[in-house]
Amino acid sequence: MQRVADVIAAGQQDGSVMRMPPNALARLIIGMSTEVVRWFDAGAGLSIEEMADYVAQVAINGVRADPPLAS
């Protein structure tokens, strides 16, 4: 976990990562990533590769649409 927190802290220094305690953000990302195995169902329409890509996108970009989606 410390390696992830260190990468986050470096990103915070250069302004590319949001301000939040690095250890907390690292735990959130790691928790999200590791919990997928509890509920992922390969027969439900997504491949493991697609799910891994979605997890990476959310970890890097969050869930905000850019530009915002029309309502």
PDB file of N, CA and C in Angstrom:
ATOM      1  N   MET A   1       0.814  -1.182   0.000  1.00  0.00           N
ATOM      2  CA  MET A   1       0.000   0.000   0.000  1.00  0.00           C
ATOM      3  C   MET A   1       0.866   1.257   0.000  1.00  0.00           C
ATOM      4  N   GLN A   2       1.985   1.202   0.670  1.00  0.00           N
ATOM      5  CA  GLN A   2       2.824   2.398   0.757  1.00  0.00           C
ATOM      6  C   GLN A   2       3.323   2.848  -0.606  1.00  0.00           C
ATOM      7  N   ARG A   3       3.603   1.904  -1.484  1.00  0.00           N
ATOM      8  CA  ARG A   3       4.070   2.272  -2.828  1.00  0.00           C
ATOM      9  C   ARG A   3       2.985   3.049  -3.576  1.00  0.00           C
ATOM     10  N   VAL A   4       1.734   2.612  -3.459  1.00  0.00           N
ATOM     11  CA  VAL A   4       0.618   3.320  -4.102  1.00  0.00           C
ATOM     12  C   VAL A   4       0.475   4.706  -3.490  1.00  0.00           C
ATOM     13  N   ALA A   5       0.555   4.805  -2.162  1.00  0.00           N
ATOM     14  CA  ALA A   5       0.452   6.101  -1.482  1.00  0.00           C
ATOM     15  C   ALA A   5       1.583   7.034  -1.917  1.00  0.00           C
ATOM     16  N   ASP A   6       2.775   6.486  -2.128  1.00  0.00           N
ATOM     17  CA  ASP A   6       3.904   7.308  -2.581  1.00  0.00           C
ATOM     18  C   ASP A   6       3.670   7.854  -3.986  1.00  0.00           C
ATOM     19  N   VAL A   7       3.107   7.029  -4.870  1.00  0.00           N
ATOM     20  CA  VAL A   7       2.790   7.488  -6.223  1.00  0.00           C
ATOM     21  C   VAL A   7       1.721   8.584  -6.164  1.00  0.00           C
ATOM     22  N   ILE A   8       0.731   8.389  -5.307  1.00  0.00           N
ATOM     23  CA  ILE A   8      -0.319   9.396  -5.139  1.00  0.00           C
ATOM     24  C   ILE A   8       0.277  10.699  -4.623  1.00  0.00           C
ATOM     25  N   ALA A   9       1.141  10.625  -3.620  1.00  0.00           N
ATOM     26  CA  ALA A   9       1.769  11.828  -3.061  1.00  0.00           C
ATOM     27  C   ALA A   9       2.579  12.568  -4.123  1.00  0.00           C
ATOM     28  N   ALA A  10       3.296  11.818  -4.961  1.00  0.00           N
ATOM     29  CA  ALA A  10       4.054  12.451  -6.039  1.00  0.00           C
ATOM     30  C   ALA A  10       3.112  13.157  -7.010  1.00  0.00           C
ATOM     31  N   GLY A  11       1.996  12.532  -7.323  1.00  0.00           N
ATOM     32  CA  GLY A  11       1.006  13.156  -8.200  1.00  0.00           C
ATOM     33  C   GLY A  11       0.385  14.390  -7.567  1.00  0.00           C
ATOM     34  N   GLN A  12       0.220  14.371  -6.266  1.00  0.00           N
ATOM     35  CA  GLN A  12      -0.304  15.550  -5.582  1.00  0.00           C
ATOM     36  C   GLN A  12       0.697  16.700  -5.652  1.00  0.00           C
ATOM     37  N   GLN A  13       1.975  16.375  -5.585  1.00  0.00           N
ATOM     38  CA  GLN A  13       3.012  17.406  -5.665  1.00  0.00           C
ATOM     39  C   GLN A  13       3.021  18.104  -7.019  1.00  0.00           C
ATOM     40  N   ASP A  14       2.750  17.338  -8.088  1.00  0.00           N
ATOM     41  CA  ASP A  14       2.761  17.970  -9.413  1.00  0.00           C
ATOM     42  C   ASP A  14       1.379  18.439  -9.854  1.00  0.00           C
ATOM     43  N   GLY A  15       0.373  18.241  -8.987  1.00  0.00           N
ATOM     44  CA  GLY A  15      -0.964  18.743  -9.269  1.00  0.00           C
ATOM     45  C   GLY A  15      -1.839  17.822 -10.096  1.00  0.00           C
ATOM     46  N   SER A  16      -1.387  16.613 -10.390  1.00  0.00           N
ATOM     47  CA  SER A  16      -2.173  15.715 -11.231  1.00  0.00           C
ATOM     48  C   SER A  16      -3.118  14.806 -10.451  1.00  0.00           C
ATOM     49  N   VAL A  17      -3.011  14.811  -9.126  1.00  0.00           N
ATOM     50  CA  VAL A  17      -3.862  13.970  -8.287  1.00  0.00           C
ATOM     51  C   VAL A  17      -4.545  14.849  -7.244  1.00  0.00           C
ATOM     52  N   MET A  18      -5.821  14.569  -6.994  1.00  0.00           N
ATOM     53  CA  MET A  18      -6.601  15.356  -6.038  1.00  0.00           C
ATOM     54  C   MET A  18      -5.972  15.356  -4.653  1.00  0.00           C
ATOM     55  N   ARG A  19      -6.262  16.389  -3.908  1.00  0.00           N
ATOM     56  CA  ARG A  19      -5.774  16.505  -2.535  1.00  0.00           C
ATOM     57  C   ARG A  19      -6.664  15.692  -1.607  1.00  0.00           C
ATOM     58  N   MET A  20      -6.068  14.716  -1.002  1.00  0.00           N
ATOM     59  CA  MET A  20      -6.706  13.830  -0.026  1.00  0.00           C
ATOM     60  C   MET A  20      -5.529  13.122   0.624  1.00  0.00           C
ATOM     61  N   PRO A  21      -5.625  12.725   1.887  1.00  0.00           N
ATOM     62  CA  PRO A  21      -4.495  12.014   2.467  1.00  0.00           C
ATOM     63  C   PRO A  21      -4.095  10.831   1.574  1.00  0.00           C
ATOM     64  N   PRO A  22      -2.829  10.757   1.164  1.00  0.00           N
ATOM     65  CA  PRO A  22      -2.397   9.706   0.242  1.00  0.00           C
ATOM     66  C   PRO A  22      -2.719   8.292   0.723  1.00  0.00           C
ATOM     67  N   ASN A  23      -2.563   8.022   2.009  1.00  0.00           N
ATOM     68  CA  ASN A  23      -2.869   6.680   2.508  1.00  0.00           C
ATOM     69  C   ASN A  23      -4.356   6.358   2.386  1.00  0.00           C
ATOM     70  N   ALA A  24      -5.213   7.343   2.628  1.00  0.00           N
ATOM     71  CA  ALA A  24      -6.657   7.119   2.499  1.00  0.00           C
ATOM     72  C   ALA A  24      -7.013   6.853   1.039  1.00  0.00           C
ATOM     73  N   LEU A  25      -6.475   7.639   0.145  1.00  0.00           N
ATOM     74  CA  LEU A  25      -6.763   7.460  -1.279  1.00  0.00           C
ATOM     75  C   LEU A  25      -6.218   6.118  -1.775  1.00  0.00           C
ATOM     76  N   ALA A  26      -5.039   5.742  -1.318  1.00  0.00           N
ATOM     77  CA  ALA A  26      -4.476   4.444  -1.694  1.00  0.00           C
ATOM     78  C   ALA A  26      -5.376   3.309  -1.212  1.00  0.00           C
ATOM     79  N   ARG A  27      -5.866   3.388   0.011  1.00  0.00           N
ATOM     80  CA  ARG A  27      -6.756   2.344   0.533  1.00  0.00           C
ATOM     81  C   ARG A  27      -8.052   2.273  -0.266  1.00  0.00           C
ATOM     82  N   LEU A  28      -8.599   3.412  -0.654  1.00  0.00           N
ATOM     83  CA  LEU A  28      -9.819   3.422  -1.466  1.00  0.00           C
ATOM     84  C   LEU A  28      -9.595   2.737  -2.809  1.00  0.00           C
ATOM     85  N   ILE A  29      -8.502   3.075  -3.475  1.00  0.00           N
ATOM     86  CA  ILE A  29      -8.222   2.487  -4.785  1.00  0.00           C
ATOM     87  C   ILE A  29      -7.953   0.991  -4.665  1.00  0.00           C
ATOM     88  N   ILE A  30      -7.138   0.611  -3.700  1.00  0.00           N
ATOM     89  CA  ILE A  30      -6.819  -0.807  -3.528  1.00  0.00           C
ATOM     90  C   ILE A  30      -8.065  -1.586  -3.130  1.00  0.00           C
ATOM     91  N   GLY A  31      -8.874  -1.028  -2.231  1.00  0.00           N
ATOM     92  CA  GLY A  31     -10.105  -1.699  -1.816  1.00  0.00           C
ATOM     93  C   GLY A  31     -11.055  -1.909  -2.983  1.00  0.00           C
ATOM     94  N   MET A  32     -11.236  -0.868  -3.791  1.00  0.00           N
ATOM     95  CA  MET A  32     -12.106  -0.989  -4.955  1.00  0.00           C
ATOM     96  C   MET A  32     -11.586  -2.081  -5.885  1.00  0.00           C
ATOM     97  N   SER A  33     -10.299  -2.098  -6.095  1.00  0.00           N
ATOM     98  CA  SER A  33      -9.697  -3.048  -7.026  1.00  0.00           C
ATOM     99  C   SER A  33      -9.792  -4.487  -6.546  1.00  0.00           C
ATOM    100  N   THR A  34      -9.563  -4.715  -5.268  1.00  0.00           N
ATOM    101  CA  THR A  34      -9.537  -6.082  -4.767  1.00  0.00           C
ATOM    102  C   THR A  34     -10.924  -6.658  -4.504  1.00  0.00           C
ATOM    103  N   GLU A  35     -11.909  -5.824  -4.307  1.00  0.00           N
ATOM    104  CA  GLU A  35     -13.261  -6.315  -4.033  1.00  0.00           C
ATOM    105  C   GLU A  35     -13.967  -6.846  -5.267  1.00  0.00           C
ATOM    106  N   VAL A  36     -13.483  -6.516  -6.447  1.00  0.00           N
ATOM    107  CA  VAL A  36     -14.110  -6.986  -7.681  1.00  0.00           C
ATOM    108  C   VAL A  36     -14.221  -8.513  -7.685  1.00  0.00           C
ATOM    109  N   VAL A  37     -13.235  -9.196  -7.141  1.00  0.00           N
ATOM    110  CA  VAL A  37     -13.251 -10.663  -7.177  1.00  0.00           C
ATOM    111  C   VAL A  37     -14.407 -11.251  -6.381  1.00  0.00           C
ATOM    112  N   ARG A  38     -14.959 -10.497  -5.461  1.00  0.00           N
ATOM    113  CA  ARG A  38     -16.081 -10.995  -4.653  1.00  0.00           C
ATOM    114  C   ARG A  38     -17.383 -11.082  -5.449  1.00  0.00           C
ATOM    115  N   TRP A  39     -17.557 -10.186  -6.405  1.00  0.00           N
ATOM    116  CA  TRP A  39     -18.849 -10.137  -7.087  1.00  0.00           C
ATOM    117  C   TRP A  39     -18.770 -10.299  -8.602  1.00  0.00           C
ATOM    118  N   PHE A  40     -17.583 -10.256  -9.177  1.00  0.00           N
ATOM    119  CA  PHE A  40     -17.462 -10.344 -10.633  1.00  0.00           C
ATOM    120  C   PHE A  40     -17.978 -11.688 -11.141  1.00  0.00           C
ATOM    121  N   ASP A  41     -18.788 -11.634 -12.183  1.00  0.00           N
ATOM    122  CA  ASP A  41     -19.345 -12.838 -12.810  1.00  0.00           C
ATOM    123  C   ASP A  41     -19.005 -12.797 -14.294  1.00  0.00           C
ATOM    124  N   ALA A  42     -18.081 -13.646 -14.703  1.00  0.00           N
ATOM    125  CA  ALA A  42     -17.634 -13.647 -16.095  1.00  0.00           C
ATOM    126  C   ALA A  42     -18.761 -13.976 -17.068  1.00  0.00           C
ATOM    127  N   GLY A  43     -19.822 -14.622 -16.594  1.00  0.00           N
ATOM    128  CA  GLY A  43     -20.933 -14.958 -17.467  1.00  0.00           C
ATOM    129  C   GLY A  43     -21.974 -13.861 -17.578  1.00  0.00           C
ATOM    130  N   ALA A  44     -21.723 -12.712 -16.980  1.00  0.00           N
ATOM    131  CA  ALA A  44     -22.717 -11.640 -16.952  1.00  0.00           C
ATOM    132  C   ALA A  44     -22.530 -10.605 -18.054  1.00  0.00           C
ATOM    133  N   GLY A  45     -21.667 -10.874 -19.011  1.00  0.00           N
ATOM    134  CA  GLY A  45     -21.571  -9.980 -20.159  1.00  0.00           C
ATOM    135  C   GLY A  45     -20.300  -9.173 -20.266  1.00  0.00           C
ATOM    136  N   LEU A  46     -19.480  -9.107 -19.241  1.00  0.00           N
ATOM    137  CA  LEU A  46     -18.214  -8.377 -19.317  1.00  0.00           C
ATOM    138  C   LEU A  46     -17.066  -9.355 -19.142  1.00  0.00           C
ATOM    139  N   SER A  47     -16.013  -9.141 -19.904  1.00  0.00           N
ATOM    140  CA  SER A  47     -14.820  -9.964 -19.708  1.00  0.00           C
ATOM    141  C   SER A  47     -14.020  -9.396 -18.538  1.00  0.00           C
ATOM    142  N   ILE A  48     -13.121 -10.193 -18.005  1.00  0.00           N
ATOM    143  CA  ILE A  48     -12.270  -9.725 -16.916  1.00  0.00           C
ATOM    144  C   ILE A  48     -11.377  -8.581 -17.395  1.00  0.00           C
ATOM    145  N   GLU A  49     -10.989  -8.609 -18.669  1.00  0.00           N
ATOM    146  CA  GLU A  49     -10.176  -7.530 -19.222  1.00  0.00           C
ATOM    147  C   GLU A  49     -10.958  -6.222 -19.264  1.00  0.00           C
ATOM    148  N   GLU A  50     -12.243  -6.306 -19.668  1.00  0.00           N
ATOM    149  CA  GLU A  50     -13.077  -5.099 -19.685  1.00  0.00           C
ATOM    150  C   GLU A  50     -13.254  -4.561 -18.271  1.00  0.00           C
ATOM    151  N   MET A  51     -13.514  -5.446 -17.309  1.00  0.00           N
ATOM    152  CA  MET A  51     -13.701  -5.000 -15.934  1.00  0.00           C
ATOM    153  C   MET A  51     -12.423  -4.368 -15.395  1.00  0.00           C
ATOM    154  N   ALA A  52     -11.272  -4.962 -15.694  1.00  0.00           N
ATOM    155  CA  ALA A  52      -9.997  -4.390 -15.250  1.00  0.00           C
ATOM    156  C   ALA A  52      -9.806  -2.991 -15.822  1.00  0.00           C
ATOM    157  N   ASP A  53     -10.189  -2.800 -17.082  1.00  0.00           N
ATOM    158  CA  ASP A  53     -10.093  -1.484 -17.704  1.00  0.00           C
ATOM    159  C   ASP A  53     -11.011  -0.485 -17.009  1.00  0.00           C
ATOM    160  N   TYR A  54     -12.238  -0.898 -16.685  1.00  0.00           N
ATOM    161  CA  TYR A  54     -13.166  -0.007 -15.986  1.00  0.00           C
ATOM    162  C   TYR A  54     -12.653   0.368 -14.610  1.00  0.00           C
ATOM    163  N   VAL A  55     -12.105  -0.598 -13.883  1.00  0.00           N
ATOM    164  CA  VAL A  55     -11.554  -0.313 -12.557  1.00  0.00           C
ATOM    165  C   VAL A  55     -10.411   0.695 -12.681  1.00  0.00           C
ATOM    166  N   ALA A  56      -9.533   0.493 -13.651  1.00  0.00           N
ATOM    167  CA  ALA A  56      -8.416   1.418 -13.841  1.00  0.00           C
ATOM    168  C   ALA A  56      -8.917   2.817 -14.198  1.00  0.00           C
ATOM    169  N   GLN A  57      -9.929   2.895 -15.072  1.00  0.00           N
ATOM    170  CA  GLN A  57     -10.471   4.206 -15.448  1.00  0.00           C
ATOM    171  C   GLN A  57     -11.056   4.936 -14.249  1.00  0.00           C
ATOM    172  N   VAL A  58     -11.813   4.221 -13.416  1.00  0.00           N
ATOM    173  CA  VAL A  58     -12.412   4.852 -12.229  1.00  0.00           C
ATOM    174  C   VAL A  58     -11.324   5.253 -11.237  1.00  0.00           C
ATOM    175  N   ALA A  59     -10.314   4.406 -11.064  1.00  0.00           N
ATOM    176  CA  ALA A  59      -9.229   4.727 -10.137  1.00  0.00           C
ATOM    177  C   ALA A  59      -8.472   5.977 -10.586  1.00  0.00           C
ATOM    178  N   ILE A  60      -8.302   6.139 -11.884  1.00  0.00           N
ATOM    179  CA  ILE A  60      -7.539   7.276 -12.393  1.00  0.00           C
ATOM    180  C   ILE A  60      -8.405   8.517 -12.577  1.00  0.00           C
ATOM    181  N   ASN A  61      -9.624   8.348 -13.075  1.00  0.00           N
ATOM    182  CA  ASN A  61     -10.461   9.500 -13.445  1.00  0.00           C
ATOM    183  C   ASN A  61     -11.647   9.754 -12.520  1.00  0.00           C
ATOM    184  N   GLY A  62     -11.935   8.854 -11.620  1.00  0.00           N
ATOM    185  CA  GLY A  62     -13.134   8.996 -10.814  1.00  0.00           C
ATOM    186  C   GLY A  62     -14.371   8.657 -11.644  1.00  0.00           C
ATOM    187  N   VAL A  63     -15.505   9.105 -11.213  1.00  0.00           N
ATOM    188  CA  VAL A  63     -16.745   8.784 -11.914  1.00  0.00           C
ATOM    189  C   VAL A  63     -17.347   9.993 -12.621  1.00  0.00           C
ATOM    190  N   ARG A  64     -16.693  11.104 -12.575  1.00  0.00           N
ATOM    191  CA  ARG A  64     -17.210  12.324 -13.197  1.00  0.00           C
ATOM    192  C   ARG A  64     -17.058  12.252 -14.705  1.00  0.00           C
ATOM    193  N   ALA A  65     -18.116  12.572 -15.433  1.00  0.00           N
ATOM    194  CA  ALA A  65     -18.048  12.629 -16.890  1.00  0.00           C
ATOM    195  C   ALA A  65     -17.388  13.936 -17.296  1.00  0.00           C
ATOM    196  N   ASP A  66     -16.530  13.876 -18.282  1.00  0.00           N
ATOM    197  CA  ASP A  66     -15.836  15.076 -18.740  1.00  0.00           C
ATOM    198  C   ASP A  66     -15.911  15.119 -20.252  1.00  0.00           C
ATOM    199  N   PRO A  67     -16.695  15.957 -20.852  1.00  0.00           N
ATOM    200  CA  PRO A  67     -17.538  16.965 -20.210  1.00  0.00           C
ATOM    201  C   PRO A  67     -18.756  16.318 -19.542  1.00  0.00           C
ATOM    202  N   PRO A  68     -19.417  17.064 -18.653  1.00  0.00           N
ATOM    203  CA  PRO A  68     -20.591  16.497 -17.973  1.00  0.00           C
ATOM    204  C   PRO A  68     -21.632  16.000 -18.959  1.00  0.00           C
ATOM    205  N   LEU A  69     -22.251  14.873 -18.620  1.00  0.00           N
ATOM    206  CA  LEU A  69     -23.303  14.313 -19.454  1.00  0.00           C
ATOM    207  C   LEU A  69     -24.559  15.176 -19.349  1.00  0.00           C
ATOM    208  N   ALA A  70     -25.291  15.268 -20.434  1.00  0.00           N
ATOM    209  CA  ALA A  70     -26.549  15.999 -20.422  1.00  0.00           C
ATOM    210  C   ALA A  70     -27.572  15.204 -19.622  1.00  0.00           C
ATOM    211  N   SER A  71     -28.427  15.917 -18.884  1.00  0.00           N
ATOM    212  CA  SER A  71     -29.452  15.207 -18.093  1.00  0.00           C
ATOM    213  C   SER A  71     -30.771  15.154 -18.793  1.00  0.00           C
TER     214      SER A  71
END
